[in-house]
C-alpha atoms as a PDB file:
ATOM      1  CA  MET A   1     -96.653 110.912  44.033  1.00  0.00           C
ATOM      2  CA  SER A   2     -97.371 111.579  40.408  1.00  0.00           C
ATOM      3  CA  LEU A   3     -95.611 109.585  37.697  1.00  0.00           C
ATOM      4  CA  THR A   4     -93.883 111.212  34.775  1.00  0.00           C
ATOM      5  CA  LEU A   5     -94.853 110.357  31.217  1.00  0.00           C
ATOM      6  CA  GLY A   6     -91.605 108.379  30.773  1.00  0.00           C
ATOM      7  CA  GLN A   7     -92.264 106.280  33.877  1.00  0.00           C
ATOM      8  CA  ILE A   8     -95.804 105.556  32.752  1.00  0.00           C
ATOM      9  CA  CYS A   9     -94.601 104.436  29.315  1.00  0.00           C
ATOM     10  CA  TYR A  10     -91.844 102.323  30.888  1.00  0.00           C
ATOM     11  CA  ASN A  11     -94.255 100.579  33.269  1.00  0.00           C
ATOM     12  CA  HIS A  12     -96.802 100.043  30.504  1.00  0.00           C
ATOM     13  CA  TYR A  13     -94.180  98.561  28.206  1.00  0.00           C
ATOM     14  CA  HIS A  14     -92.843  96.166  30.825  1.00  0.00           C
ATOM     15  CA  SER A  15     -96.323  95.077  31.870  1.00  0.00           C
ATOM     16  CA  CYS A  16     -97.442  94.422  28.299  1.00  0.00           C
ATOM     17  CA  TYR A  17     -94.211  92.967  26.913  1.00  0.00           C
ATOM     18  CA  PRO A  18     -92.400  91.152  29.763  1.00  0.00           C
ATOM     19  CA  MET A  19     -90.771  88.595  27.465  1.00  0.00           C
ATOM     20  CA  THR A  20     -89.515  91.287  25.085  1.00  0.00           C
ATOM     21  CA  SER A  21     -88.013  93.211  27.981  1.00  0.00           C
ATOM     22  CA  TYR A  22     -86.398  90.053  29.318  1.00  0.00           C
ATOM     23  CA  LEU A  23     -84.895  89.242  25.915  1.00  0.00           C
ATOM     24  CA  LEU A  24     -83.470  92.737  25.544  1.00  0.00           C
ATOM     25  CA  ARG A  25     -81.846  92.562  28.980  1.00  0.00           C
ATOM     26  CA  ARG A  26     -80.352  89.169  28.279  1.00  0.00           C
ATOM     27  CA  LEU A  27     -79.060  90.138  24.832  1.00  0.00           C
ATOM     28  CA  LEU A  28     -77.426  93.282  26.199  1.00  0.00           C
ATOM     29  CA  GLY A  29     -75.900  91.263  29.020  1.00  0.00           C
ATOM     30  CA  MET A  30     -74.349  88.885  26.507  1.00  0.00           C
ATOM     31  CA  LEU A  31     -72.115  91.570  24.999  1.00  0.00           C
ATOM     32  CA  PRO A  32     -69.586  91.866  27.867  1.00  0.00           C
ATOM     33  CA  LEU A  33     -69.569  88.077  28.252  1.00  0.00           C
ATOM     34  CA  LEU A  34     -68.841  87.667  24.567  1.00  0.00           C
ATOM     35  CA  VAL A  35     -65.993  90.174  24.745  1.00  0.00           C
ATOM     36  CA  GLY A  36     -64.501  88.370  27.738  1.00  0.00           C
ATOM     37  CA  ILE A  37     -64.696  85.011  25.973  1.00  0.00           C
ATOM     38  CA  THR A  38     -62.982  86.352  22.858  1.00  0.00           C
ATOM     39  CA  VAL A  39     -60.182  87.890  24.954  1.00  0.00           C
ATOM     40  CA  ILE A  40     -59.478  84.565  26.673  1.00  0.00           C
ATOM     41  CA  CYS A  41     -59.630  82.618  23.398  1.00  0.00           C
ATOM     42  CA  PHE A  42     -57.349  85.109  21.670  1.00  0.00           C
ATOM     43  CA  LEU A  43     -54.743  84.822  24.428  1.00  0.00           C
ATOM     44  CA  VAL A  44     -54.890  81.027  24.575  1.00  0.00           C
ATOM     45  CA  ILE A  45     -54.416  80.413  20.852  1.00  0.00           C
ATOM     46  CA  HIS A  46     -51.475  82.834  20.729  1.00  0.00           C
ATOM     47  CA  LEU A  47     -49.820  81.262  23.777  1.00  0.00           C
ATOM     48  CA  ALA A  48     -50.017  77.785  22.220  1.00  0.00           C
ATOM     49  CA  PRO A  49     -46.779  76.436  20.712  1.00  0.00           C
ATOM     50  CA  GLY A  50     -46.182  77.022  17.040  1.00  0.00           C
ATOM     51  CA  SER A  51     -46.779  79.858  14.638  1.00  0.00           C
ATOM     52  CA  PRO A  52     -48.710  80.296  11.374  1.00  0.00           C
ATOM     53  CA  THR A  53     -45.412  80.827   9.585  1.00  0.00           C
ATOM     54  CA  ASP A  54     -43.933  77.489  10.713  1.00  0.00           C
ATOM     55  CA  LEU A  55     -45.765  75.332   8.177  1.00  0.00           C
ATOM     56  CA  GLN A  56     -44.809  77.688   5.369  1.00  0.00           C
ATOM     57  CA  THR A  57     -41.134  77.988   6.305  1.00  0.00           C
ATOM     58  CA  ASP A  58     -40.022  74.798   8.093  1.00  0.00           C
ATOM     59  CA  LEU A  59     -40.587  72.613   5.041  1.00  0.00           C
ATOM     60  CA  ASN A  60     -38.539  74.936   2.832  1.00  0.00           C
ATOM     61  CA  PRO A  61     -34.829  74.774   3.733  1.00  0.00           C
ATOM     62  CA  LYS A  62     -33.994  77.575   1.310  1.00  0.00           C
ATOM     63  CA  ILE A  63     -36.170  80.207   2.995  1.00  0.00           C
ATOM     64  CA  SER A  64     -34.221  83.013   4.619  1.00  0.00           C
ATOM     65  CA  ALA A  65     -34.651  84.743   7.955  1.00  0.00           C
ATOM     66  CA  GLN A  66     -35.727  87.887   6.095  1.00  0.00           C
ATOM     67  CA  ALA A  67     -38.551  85.959   4.415  1.00  0.00           C
ATOM     68  CA  ARG A  68     -39.695  84.649   7.796  1.00  0.00           C
ATOM     69  CA  ALA A  69     -39.710  88.169   9.156  1.00  0.00           C
ATOM     70  CA  ARG A  70     -41.709  89.448   6.163  1.00  0.00           C
ATOM     71  CA  LEU A  71     -44.331  86.734   6.688  1.00  0.00           C
ATOM     72  CA  THR A  72     -44.562  87.559  10.379  1.00  0.00           C
ATOM     73  CA  LYS A  73     -45.041  91.232   9.567  1.00  0.00           C
ATOM     74  CA  LEU A  74     -47.545  90.423   6.804  1.00  0.00           C
ATOM     75  CA  TYR A  75     -49.741  88.558   9.274  1.00  0.00           C
ATOM     76  CA  GLY A  76     -49.293  91.281  11.893  1.00  0.00           C
ATOM     77  CA  LEU A  77     -47.745  88.831  14.355  1.00  0.00           C
ATOM     78  CA  ASP A  78     -44.857  91.197  15.102  1.00  0.00           C
ATOM     79  CA  GLN A  79     -47.189  93.505  17.022  1.00  0.00           C
ATOM     80  CA  PRO A  80     -48.115  93.152  20.722  1.00  0.00           C
ATOM     81  CA  LEU A  81     -51.084  90.936  21.546  1.00  0.00           C
ATOM     82  CA  HIS A  82     -53.285  93.808  22.676  1.00  0.00           C
ATOM     83  CA  VAL A  83     -52.699  95.568  19.349  1.00  0.00           C
ATOM     84  CA  GLN A  84     -53.533  92.396  17.422  1.00  0.00           C
ATOM     85  CA  TYR A  85     -56.708  91.896  19.456  1.00  0.00           C
ATOM     86  CA  ALA A  86     -57.752  95.525  18.998  1.00  0.00           C
ATOM     87  CA  ARG A  87     -57.328  95.142  15.238  1.00  0.00           C
ATOM     88  CA  TRP A  88     -59.356  91.905  15.240  1.00  0.00           C
ATOM     89  CA  ILE A  89     -62.191  93.330  17.355  1.00  0.00           C
ATOM     90  CA  SER A  90     -62.346  96.461  15.196  1.00  0.00           C
ATOM     91  CA  GLN A  91     -62.748  94.266  12.115  1.00  0.00           C
ATOM     92  CA  LEU A  92     -65.411  92.237  13.910  1.00  0.00           C
ATOM     93  CA  VAL A  93     -67.436  95.348  14.706  1.00  0.00           C
ATOM     94  CA  ARG A  94     -67.469  96.100  10.988  1.00  0.00           C
ATOM     95  CA  GLY A  95     -68.651  92.550  10.243  1.00  0.00           C
ATOM     96  CA  ASP A  96     -65.258  91.350   9.016  1.00  0.00           C
ATOM     97  CA  LEU A  97     -63.707  88.201  10.521  1.00  0.00           C
ATOM     98  CA  GLY A  98     -60.455  88.720   8.655  1.00  0.00           C
ATOM     99  CA  ARG A  99     -58.771  86.607   6.019  1.00  0.00           C
ATOM    100  CA  SER A 100     -57.386  83.096   6.354  1.00  0.00           C
ATOM    101  CA  PHE A 101     -53.628  82.699   6.605  1.00  0.00           C
ATOM    102  CA  ALA A 102     -53.830  79.451   4.619  1.00  0.00           C
ATOM    103  CA  ASP A 103     -55.478  80.630   1.380  1.00  0.00           C
ATOM    104  CA  ASP A 104     -56.175  84.355   1.956  1.00  0.00           C
ATOM    105  CA  ARG A 105     -59.941  83.777   1.644  1.00  0.00           C
ATOM    106  CA  PRO A 106     -62.369  85.709   3.863  1.00  0.00           C
ATOM    107  CA  VAL A 107     -62.999  83.763   7.061  1.00  0.00           C
ATOM    108  CA  ALA A 108     -66.714  84.568   6.915  1.00  0.00           C
ATOM    109  CA  ASP A 109     -67.000  82.906   3.494  1.00  0.00           C
ATOM    110  CA  LYS A 110     -65.242  79.753   4.686  1.00  0.00           C
ATOM    111  CA  ILE A 111     -67.494  79.503   7.740  1.00  0.00           C
ATOM    112  CA  LEU A 112     -70.697  80.168   5.793  1.00  0.00           C
ATOM    113  CA  GLU A 113     -69.786  77.336   3.431  1.00  0.00           C
ATOM    114  CA  ARG A 114     -69.491  74.880   6.326  1.00  0.00           C
ATOM    115  CA  VAL A 115     -72.201  76.011   8.749  1.00  0.00           C
ATOM    116  CA  PRO A 116     -75.240  74.562   6.883  1.00  0.00           C
ATOM    117  CA  VAL A 117     -73.710  71.075   6.783  1.00  0.00           C
ATOM    118  CA  THR A 118     -72.865  70.958  10.480  1.00  0.00           C
ATOM    119  CA  LEU A 119     -76.123  72.536  11.595  1.00  0.00           C
ATOM    120  CA  THR A 120     -78.140  70.095   9.495  1.00  0.00           C
ATOM    121  CA  ILE A 121     -76.378  67.060  10.941  1.00  0.00           C
ATOM    122  CA  GLU A 122     -76.500  68.277  14.540  1.00  0.00           C
ATOM    123  CA  ALA A 123     -80.097  69.508  14.324  1.00  0.00           C
ATOM    124  CA  LEU A 124     -81.178  66.094  13.059  1.00  0.00           C
ATOM    125  CA  ALA A 125     -79.136  64.424  15.793  1.00  0.00           C
ATOM    126  CA  MET A 126     -80.670  66.583  18.535  1.00  0.00           C
ATOM    127  CA  ALA A 127     -84.188  65.953  17.232  1.00  0.00           C
ATOM    128  CA  LEU A 128     -83.474  62.214  17.141  1.00  0.00           C
ATOM    129  CA  ILE A 129     -82.109  62.346  20.687  1.00  0.00           C
ATOM    130  CA  PHE A 130     -85.097  64.244  22.048  1.00  0.00           C
ATOM    131  CA  PHE A 131     -87.880  62.275  20.370  1.00  0.00           C
ATOM    132  CA  ILE A 132     -86.331  58.913  21.280  1.00  0.00           C
ATOM    133  CA  ALA A 133     -84.753  59.634  24.681  1.00  0.00           C
ATOM    134  CA  VAL A 134     -87.850  61.230  26.236  1.00  0.00           C
ATOM    135  CA  PRO A 135     -90.231  58.283  25.564  1.00  0.00           C
ATOM    136  CA  ILE A 136     -87.543  55.798  26.632  1.00  0.00           C
ATOM    137  CA  GLY A 137     -86.900  57.692  29.864  1.00  0.00           C
ATOM    138  CA  VAL A 138     -90.617  57.998  30.618  1.00  0.00           C
ATOM    139  CA  ALA A 139     -91.197  54.283  29.970  1.00  0.00           C
ATOM    140  CA  GLY A 140     -88.346  53.352  32.288  1.00  0.00           C
ATOM    141  CA  ALA A 141     -89.641  55.631  35.046  1.00  0.00           C
ATOM    142  CA  VAL A 142     -93.248  54.446  34.827  1.00  0.00           C
ATOM    143  CA  ARG A 143     -92.260  50.757  34.848  1.00  0.00           C
ATOM    144  CA  PRO A 144     -88.990  50.534  36.797  1.00  0.00           C
ATOM    145  CA  ARG A 145     -87.066  47.253  36.689  1.00  0.00           C
ATOM    146  CA  SER A 146     -89.211  46.024  33.805  1.00  0.00           C
ATOM    147  CA  LEU A 147     -87.719  44.411  30.709  1.00  0.00           C
ATOM    148  CA  THR A 148     -87.920  47.730  28.846  1.00  0.00           C
ATOM    149  CA  ASP A 149     -86.147  49.528  31.662  1.00  0.00           C
ATOM    150  CA  ARG A 150     -83.391  46.918  31.855  1.00  0.00           C
ATOM    151  CA  VAL A 151     -82.806  46.932  28.104  1.00  0.00           C
ATOM    152  CA  THR A 152     -82.665  50.730  27.897  1.00  0.00           C
ATOM    153  CA  THR A 153     -80.317  50.811  30.893  1.00  0.00           C
ATOM    154  CA  LEU A 154     -77.994  48.359  29.165  1.00  0.00           C
ATOM    155  CA  VAL A 155     -78.080  50.394  25.948  1.00  0.00           C
ATOM    156  CA  ALA A 156     -77.371  53.570  27.931  1.00  0.00           C
ATOM    157  CA  PHE A 157     -74.318  52.027  29.600  1.00  0.00           C
ATOM    158  CA  ILE A 158     -73.050  50.879  26.214  1.00  0.00           C
ATOM    159  CA  GLY A 159     -73.608  54.376  24.851  1.00  0.00           C
ATOM    160  CA  PHE A 160     -71.552  55.857  27.671  1.00  0.00           C
ATOM    161  CA  ALA A 161     -68.746  53.323  27.225  1.00  0.00           C
ATOM    162  CA  VAL A 162     -68.387  53.269  23.421  1.00  0.00           C
ATOM    163  CA  PRO A 163     -66.011  55.949  22.059  1.00  0.00           C
ATOM    164  CA  GLY A 164     -67.469  57.999  19.231  1.00  0.00           C
ATOM    165  CA  PHE A 165     -64.552  57.480  16.863  1.00  0.00           C
ATOM    166  CA  TRP A 166     -64.656  53.688  17.393  1.00  0.00           C
ATOM    167  CA  LEU A 167     -68.393  53.571  16.691  1.00  0.00           C
ATOM    168  CA  ALA A 168     -67.918  55.673  13.556  1.00  0.00           C
ATOM    169  CA  LEU A 169     -65.234  53.308  12.244  1.00  0.00           C
ATOM    170  CA  VAL A 170     -67.261  50.189  13.077  1.00  0.00           C
ATOM    171  CA  LEU A 171     -70.375  51.512  11.318  1.00  0.00           C
ATOM    172  CA  MET A 172     -68.277  52.569   8.347  1.00  0.00           C
ATOM    173  CA  SER A 173     -66.694  49.119   8.064  1.00  0.00           C
ATOM    174  CA  LEU A 174     -69.907  47.154   8.605  1.00  0.00           C
ATOM    175  CA  LEU A 175     -72.624  49.164   6.853  1.00  0.00           C
ATOM    176  CA  GLY A 176     -70.477  50.897   4.278  1.00  0.00           C
ATOM    177  CA  VAL A 177     -67.612  48.589   3.290  1.00  0.00           C
ATOM    178  CA  ARG A 178     -68.842  45.057   3.975  1.00  0.00           C
ATOM    179  CA  LEU A 179     -72.572  45.346   3.347  1.00  0.00           C
ATOM    180  CA  GLY A 180     -72.444  48.356   1.006  1.00  0.00           C
ATOM    181  CA  TRP A 181     -75.723  49.751   2.317  1.00  0.00           C
ATOM    182  CA  LEU A 182     -74.575  53.314   3.000  1.00  0.00           C
ATOM    183  CA  PRO A 183     -71.965  55.721   1.600  1.00  0.00           C
ATOM    184  CA  ILE A 184     -68.960  56.256   3.848  1.00  0.00           C
ATOM    185  CA  SER A 185     -67.673  59.715   2.883  1.00  0.00           C
ATOM    186  CA  GLY A 186     -68.878  63.155   1.903  1.00  0.00           C
ATOM    187  CA  ILE A 187     -72.427  64.477   1.820  1.00  0.00           C
ATOM    188  CA  GLN A 188     -73.274  63.623  -1.791  1.00  0.00           C
ATOM    189  CA  SER A 189     -72.247  61.245  -4.558  1.00  0.00           C
ATOM    190  CA  LEU A 190     -70.016  62.150  -7.489  1.00  0.00           C
ATOM    191  CA  ASP A 191     -72.938  61.996  -9.920  1.00  0.00           C
ATOM    192  CA  TYR A 192     -75.185  64.075  -7.669  1.00  0.00           C
ATOM    193  CA  GLU A 193     -75.791  66.801 -10.260  1.00  0.00           C
ATOM    194  CA  ALA A 194     -77.003  64.271 -12.842  1.00  0.00           C
ATOM    195  CA  MET A 195     -79.645  62.827 -10.508  1.00  0.00           C
ATOM    196  CA  ALA A 196     -83.320  63.697 -10.437  1.00  0.00           C
ATOM    197  CA  ARG A 197     -84.571  65.821  -7.559  1.00  0.00           C
ATOM    198  CA  TRP A 198     -85.991  62.881  -5.577  1.00  0.00           C
ATOM    199  CA  GLU A 199     -82.784  60.918  -6.156  1.00  0.00           C
ATOM    200  CA  GLN A 200     -80.766  63.833  -4.804  1.00  0.00           C
ATOM    201  CA  TRP A 201     -82.874  63.866  -1.639  1.00  0.00           C
ATOM    202  CA  LEU A 202     -82.361  60.126  -1.178  1.00  0.00           C
ATOM    203  CA  ASP A 203     -78.639  60.471  -1.853  1.00  0.00           C
ATOM    204  CA  ARG A 204     -78.262  63.244   0.739  1.00  0.00           C
ATOM    205  CA  ALA A 205     -80.305  61.260   3.258  1.00  0.00           C
ATOM    206  CA  ALA A 206     -78.143  58.161   2.734  1.00  0.00           C
ATOM    207  CA  HIS A 207     -74.969  60.187   3.313  1.00  0.00           C
ATOM    208  CA  LEU A 208     -76.395  61.661   6.535  1.00  0.00           C
ATOM    209  CA  VAL A 209     -77.396  58.366   8.177  1.00  0.00           C
ATOM    210  CA  LEU A 210     -73.960  57.441   9.537  1.00  0.00           C
ATOM    211  CA  PRO A 211     -72.865  60.872  10.850  1.00  0.00           C
ATOM    212  CA  VAL A 212     -76.270  61.581  12.397  1.00  0.00           C
ATOM    213  CA  SER A 213     -76.325  58.172  14.075  1.00  0.00           C
ATOM    214  CA  VAL A 214     -72.821  58.590  15.497  1.00  0.00           C
ATOM    215  CA  SER A 215     -73.584  62.109  16.694  1.00  0.00           C
ATOM    216  CA  ALA A 216     -76.832  61.058  18.371  1.00  0.00           C
ATOM    217  CA  PHE A 217     -75.776  57.778  19.980  1.00  0.00           C
ATOM    218  CA  GLY A 218     -73.885  59.134  22.986  1.00  0.00           C
ATOM    219  CA  GLY A 219     -76.377  61.925  23.635  1.00  0.00           C
ATOM    220  CA  LEU A 220     -79.287  59.504  23.331  1.00  0.00           C
ATOM    221  CA  ALA A 221     -77.858  57.270  26.045  1.00  0.00           C
ATOM    222  CA  GLY A 222     -77.198  60.123  28.444  1.00  0.00           C
ATOM    223  CA  LEU A 223     -80.446  62.007  27.944  1.00  0.00           C
ATOM    224  CA  SER A 224     -82.610  58.894  28.289  1.00  0.00           C
ATOM    225  CA  ARG A 225     -81.087  58.119  31.690  1.00  0.00           C
ATOM    226  CA  PHE A 226     -81.374  61.724  32.769  1.00  0.00           C
ATOM    227  CA  MET A 227     -85.006  61.791  31.647  1.00  0.00           C
ATOM    228  CA  ARG A 228     -85.718  58.620  33.598  1.00  0.00           C
ATOM    229  CA  SER A 229     -84.184  60.054  36.768  1.00  0.00           C
ATOM    230  CA  SER A 230     -86.090  63.327  36.400  1.00  0.00           C
ATOM    231  CA  MET A 231     -89.358  61.499  35.712  1.00  0.00           C
ATOM    232  CA  VAL A 232     -88.954  59.220  38.726  1.00  0.00           C
ATOM    233  CA  GLU A 233     -88.488  62.290  40.909  1.00  0.00           C
ATOM    234  CA  ALA A 234     -91.566  63.968  39.394  1.00  0.00           C
ATOM    235  CA  LEU A 235     -93.748  60.892  39.960  1.00  0.00           C
ATOM    236  CA  ARG A 236     -92.891  60.997  43.660  1.00  0.00           C
ATOM    237  CA  GLN A 237     -94.302  64.492  44.125  1.00  0.00           C
ATOM    238  CA  ALA A 238     -97.462  65.112  46.152  1.00  0.00           C
ATOM    239  CA  TYR A 239     -99.424  66.598  43.260  1.00  0.00           C
ATOM    240  CA  VAL A 240     -99.009  63.350  41.301  1.00  0.00           C
ATOM    241  CA  ARG A 241    -100.364  61.293  44.186  1.00  0.00           C
ATOM    242  CA  THR A 242    -103.255  63.755  44.465  1.00  0.00           C
ATOM    243  CA  ALA A 243    -104.035  63.425  40.761  1.00  0.00           C
ATOM    244  CA  VAL A 244    -104.030  59.627  41.038  1.00  0.00           C
ATOM    245  CA  ALA A 245    -106.271  59.796  44.109  1.00  0.00           C
ATOM    246  CA  LYS A 246    -108.783  61.879  42.154  1.00  0.00           C
ATOM    247  CA  GLY A 247    -109.170  59.037  39.683  1.00  0.00           C
ATOM    248  CA  LEU A 248    -107.201  60.402  36.719  1.00  0.00           C
ATOM    249  CA  SER A 249    -105.808  57.827  34.336  1.00  0.00           C
ATOM    250  CA  MET A 250    -102.114  57.013  34.590  1.00  0.00           C
ATOM    251  CA  HIS A 251    -101.570  58.187  31.011  1.00  0.00           C
ATOM    252  CA  ARG A 252    -103.054  61.590  31.838  1.00  0.00           C
ATOM    253  CA  VAL A 253    -101.104  61.875  35.093  1.00  0.00           C
ATOM    254  CA  VAL A 254     -97.816  61.029  33.398  1.00  0.00           C
ATOM    255  CA  TYR A 255     -98.099  63.064  30.208  1.00  0.00           C
ATOM    256  CA  ARG A 256    -100.210  66.017  31.394  1.00  0.00           C
ATOM    257  CA  HIS A 257     -98.827  66.600  34.884  1.00  0.00           C
ATOM    258  CA  ALA A 258     -95.520  64.894  35.645  1.00  0.00           C
ATOM    259  CA  LEU A 259     -93.875  65.149  32.224  1.00  0.00           C
ATOM    260  CA  ARG A 260     -93.903  68.940  32.010  1.00  0.00           C
ATOM    261  CA  ASN A 261     -92.035  69.276  35.295  1.00  0.00           C
ATOM    262  CA  ALA A 262     -89.656  66.454  34.419  1.00  0.00           C
ATOM    263  CA  LEU A 263     -88.727  68.203  31.160  1.00  0.00           C
ATOM    264  CA  LEU A 264     -87.220  71.243  32.891  1.00  0.00           C
ATOM    265  CA  PRO A 265     -83.789  69.657  33.556  1.00  0.00           C
ATOM    266  CA  VAL A 266     -83.859  68.075  30.102  1.00  0.00           C
ATOM    267  CA  VAL A 267     -84.404  71.480  28.509  1.00  0.00           C
ATOM    268  CA  THR A 268     -81.363  72.742  30.409  1.00  0.00           C
ATOM    269  CA  ILE A 269     -79.216  69.921  29.049  1.00  0.00           C
ATOM    270  CA  LEU A 270     -80.411  70.491  25.495  1.00  0.00           C
ATOM    271  CA  GLY A 271     -79.622  74.198  25.808  1.00  0.00           C
ATOM    272  CA  LEU A 272     -76.117  73.462  27.056  1.00  0.00           C
ATOM    273  CA  SER A 273     -75.641  70.942  24.236  1.00  0.00           C
ATOM    274  CA  VAL A 274     -75.878  73.631  21.556  1.00  0.00           C
ATOM    275  CA  PRO A 275     -72.143  74.526  21.684  1.00  0.00           C
ATOM    276  CA  GLY A 276     -71.353  70.863  21.095  1.00  0.00           C
ATOM    277  CA  LEU A 277     -72.602  71.353  17.537  1.00  0.00           C
ATOM    278  CA  ILE A 278     -69.065  72.309  16.585  1.00  0.00           C
ATOM    279  CA  SER A 279     -66.818  70.484  19.053  1.00  0.00           C
ATOM    280  CA  GLY A 280     -68.685  67.207  18.776  1.00  0.00           C
ATOM    281  CA  SER A 281     -68.582  67.232  14.996  1.00  0.00           C
ATOM    282  CA  VAL A 282     -64.783  67.179  14.741  1.00  0.00           C
ATOM    283  CA  ILE A 283     -64.567  63.384  15.067  1.00  0.00           C
ATOM    284  CA  PHE A 284     -67.193  62.177  12.640  1.00  0.00           C
ATOM    285  CA  GLU A 285     -66.592  64.965  10.121  1.00  0.00           C
ATOM    286  CA  SER A 286     -62.925  63.961   9.947  1.00  0.00           C
ATOM    287  CA  ILE A 287     -63.702  60.239   9.691  1.00  0.00           C
ATOM    288  CA  TYR A 288     -66.472  60.606   7.100  1.00  0.00           C
ATOM    289  CA  ALA A 289     -64.723  63.428   5.176  1.00  0.00           C
ATOM    290  CA  ILE A 290     -67.642  65.811   5.698  1.00  0.00           C
ATOM    291  CA  PRO A 291     -66.904  69.467   4.862  1.00  0.00           C
ATOM    292  CA  GLY A 292     -68.357  70.944   8.038  1.00  0.00           C
ATOM    293  CA  MET A 293     -67.378  73.300  10.831  1.00  0.00           C
ATOM    294  CA  GLY A 294     -65.648  70.625  12.889  1.00  0.00           C
ATOM    295  CA  ARG A 295     -63.285  69.694  10.096  1.00  0.00           C
ATOM    296  CA  LEU A 296     -62.641  73.365   9.308  1.00  0.00           C
ATOM    297  CA  TYR A 297     -61.734  73.982  12.949  1.00  0.00           C
ATOM    298  CA  PHE A 298     -59.438  70.952  13.086  1.00  0.00           C
ATOM    299  CA  ASP A 299     -57.593  71.968   9.919  1.00  0.00           C
ATOM    300  CA  ALA A 300     -57.262  75.542  11.183  1.00  0.00           C
ATOM    301  CA  VAL A 301     -55.759  74.394  14.485  1.00  0.00           C
ATOM    302  CA  MET A 302     -53.254  72.170  12.708  1.00  0.00           C
ATOM    303  CA  ALA A 303     -52.245  75.057  10.434  1.00  0.00           C
ATOM    304  CA  ARG A 304     -52.264  77.670  13.260  1.00  0.00           C
ATOM    305  CA  ASP A 305     -54.709  79.675  11.140  1.00  0.00           C
ATOM    306  CA  TYR A 306     -55.563  82.231  13.848  1.00  0.00           C
ATOM    307  CA  PRO A 307     -58.336  84.149  12.021  1.00  0.00           C
ATOM    308  CA  VAL A 308     -60.243  80.950  11.204  1.00  0.00           C
ATOM    309  CA  ILE A 309     -59.771  79.611  14.738  1.00  0.00           C
ATOM    310  CA  MET A 310     -61.108  82.840  16.230  1.00  0.00           C
ATOM    311  CA  GLY A 311     -64.032  82.852  13.812  1.00  0.00           C
ATOM    312  CA  VAL A 312     -65.057  79.303  14.742  1.00  0.00           C
ATOM    313  CA  LEU A 313     -64.577  79.962  18.463  1.00  0.00           C
ATOM    314  CA  LEU A 314     -66.706  83.088  18.137  1.00  0.00           C
ATOM    315  CA  ILE A 315     -69.501  81.014  16.598  1.00  0.00           C
ATOM    316  CA  GLY A 316     -69.151  78.533  19.457  1.00  0.00           C
ATOM    317  CA  ALA A 317     -69.348  81.308  22.056  1.00  0.00           C
ATOM    318  CA  VAL A 318     -72.456  82.777  20.448  1.00  0.00           C
ATOM    319  CA  LEU A 319     -74.065  79.328  20.330  1.00  0.00           C
ATOM    320  CA  THR A 320     -73.259  78.814  24.012  1.00  0.00           C
ATOM    321  CA  LEU A 321     -74.920  82.065  25.052  1.00  0.00           C
ATOM    322  CA  LEU A 322     -77.900  81.545  22.743  1.00  0.00           C
ATOM    323  CA  GLY A 323     -78.291  77.985  24.006  1.00  0.00           C
ATOM    324  CA  ASN A 324     -78.595  79.215  27.585  1.00  0.00           C
ATOM    325  CA  LEU A 325     -81.071  81.886  26.509  1.00  0.00           C
ATOM    326  CA  LEU A 326     -83.205  79.430  24.536  1.00  0.00           C
ATOM    327  CA  ALA A 327     -83.245  77.049  27.497  1.00  0.00           C
ATOM    328  CA  ASP A 328     -84.500  79.819  29.794  1.00  0.00           C
ATOM    329  CA  ILE A 329     -87.187  80.818  27.303  1.00  0.00           C
ATOM    330  CA  ALA A 330     -88.263  77.210  26.883  1.00  0.00           C
ATOM    331  CA  TYR A 331     -88.892  77.002  30.632  1.00  0.00           C
ATOM    332  CA  ALA A 332     -91.872  79.334  30.243  1.00  0.00           C
ATOM    333  CA  PHE A 333     -93.428  77.083  27.616  1.00  0.00           C
ATOM    334  CA  VAL A 334     -92.747  73.849  29.481  1.00  0.00           C
ATOM    335  CA  ASP A 335     -93.809  75.073  32.914  1.00  0.00           C
ATOM    336  CA  PRO A 336     -96.637  77.686  32.989  1.00  0.00           C
ATOM    337  CA  ARG A 337     -95.652  78.662  36.531  1.00  0.00           C
ATOM    338  CA  ILE A 338     -92.512  80.332  35.196  1.00  0.00           C
ATOM    339  CA  ARG A 339     -92.919  83.888  33.942  1.00  0.00           C
ATOM    340  CA  TYR A 340     -90.266  86.442  33.076  1.00  0.00           C
ATOM    341  CA  GLU A 341     -91.455  89.680  34.580  1.00  0.00           C
END
C-alpha cells in the first residue's frame, strides 16, 4: 500500500522529533484540564461564605441598601455564576485577568510584582533540598544503621514533627531578635538604594536566609528519607549485584548505576512539589512580611477579592500541570531506557 505525502511527512516528523511531538500532545491535553480546574475553583470561591462587598459595607453603618446593590452590580456579582465565569474566561483568552476589587489595579500587574520574589525563594529552597537530601539519602542507604544514618533519621523525624510557623518564629526570635545576625522582615533594608552593588547582594542574601531555610526544612527531611528508601531498593536489584561481582568499585556502582534508577521517584516528588511554591509560601511570607504570591493570596482570600484569587489559583494550576510535564521529561534524562515515542 502506497503512502500519501502527508503520511510520509507525519511519520518522518514523529521519527525525527519524538520529544517535540510528545510535548505538543501534552500541552494540548493540558487545555481541557486547565478549563476544568478553573471551573471548579470559580464555583468553590463563590460558594464560600462572605462577599467582596461585605468588607466595604459592614464597617460603615451609614451605607444604604441601594449602595450595596450598586457595588454588587459594579462587580458583576448580580449575574448568574455561568455568566460571570464566561466573562472571566473571555477576558483570560484576551490575556486579561481582570481588575482587583480592593484597589482596582490589574490583577496581572499585582501578580507580576510578587512572582519573582516567591519563585526566587522557592527555587533556592528546592535546590537546597535536592543537593542536600540526595547525598544524605544515598549515605544512609549505603551505610544503614551507621551513625550518619541514625543522625539523619533523627533530623528527618524532627523535620516532620516541627510545624513550619513555629520554626519560622523560633528562628526569627533567636537569629534575628536575640543574636541580631539576620534581618527578620522584608526582602531588603530601608537604606537598600544607598548601598553599593555588592552590599545590595549581601543585603538581599541576608534577608533570604530565614525564609529559604524555613521553606526547605520540611521538604529536606521528607526527600532525604524518600531518597534513602528508593536507594535501598535500587541496591537490592540484580544488576547491582552483577556490577559488584564484576569488580566495579562501590562508588561507581552507587553513583553510575543505582543512583539513576533511584532518582526516578525523587523526580516525581520534585515535579509534584512545584505547586507548593505558592501554597507553602503563605506561612513564612506572612511571618517575615515578604511581598510574595503567598501573602497576596492570603490577603485576597481575606478580602474576598475574587479576581486576584482566581489569578493566583490559575498560576497554581499551570504550575501543577507544568510540574507533572517537567517530571515526565526529566525521566528521559535520568533513565536512558525511557523514550517518548
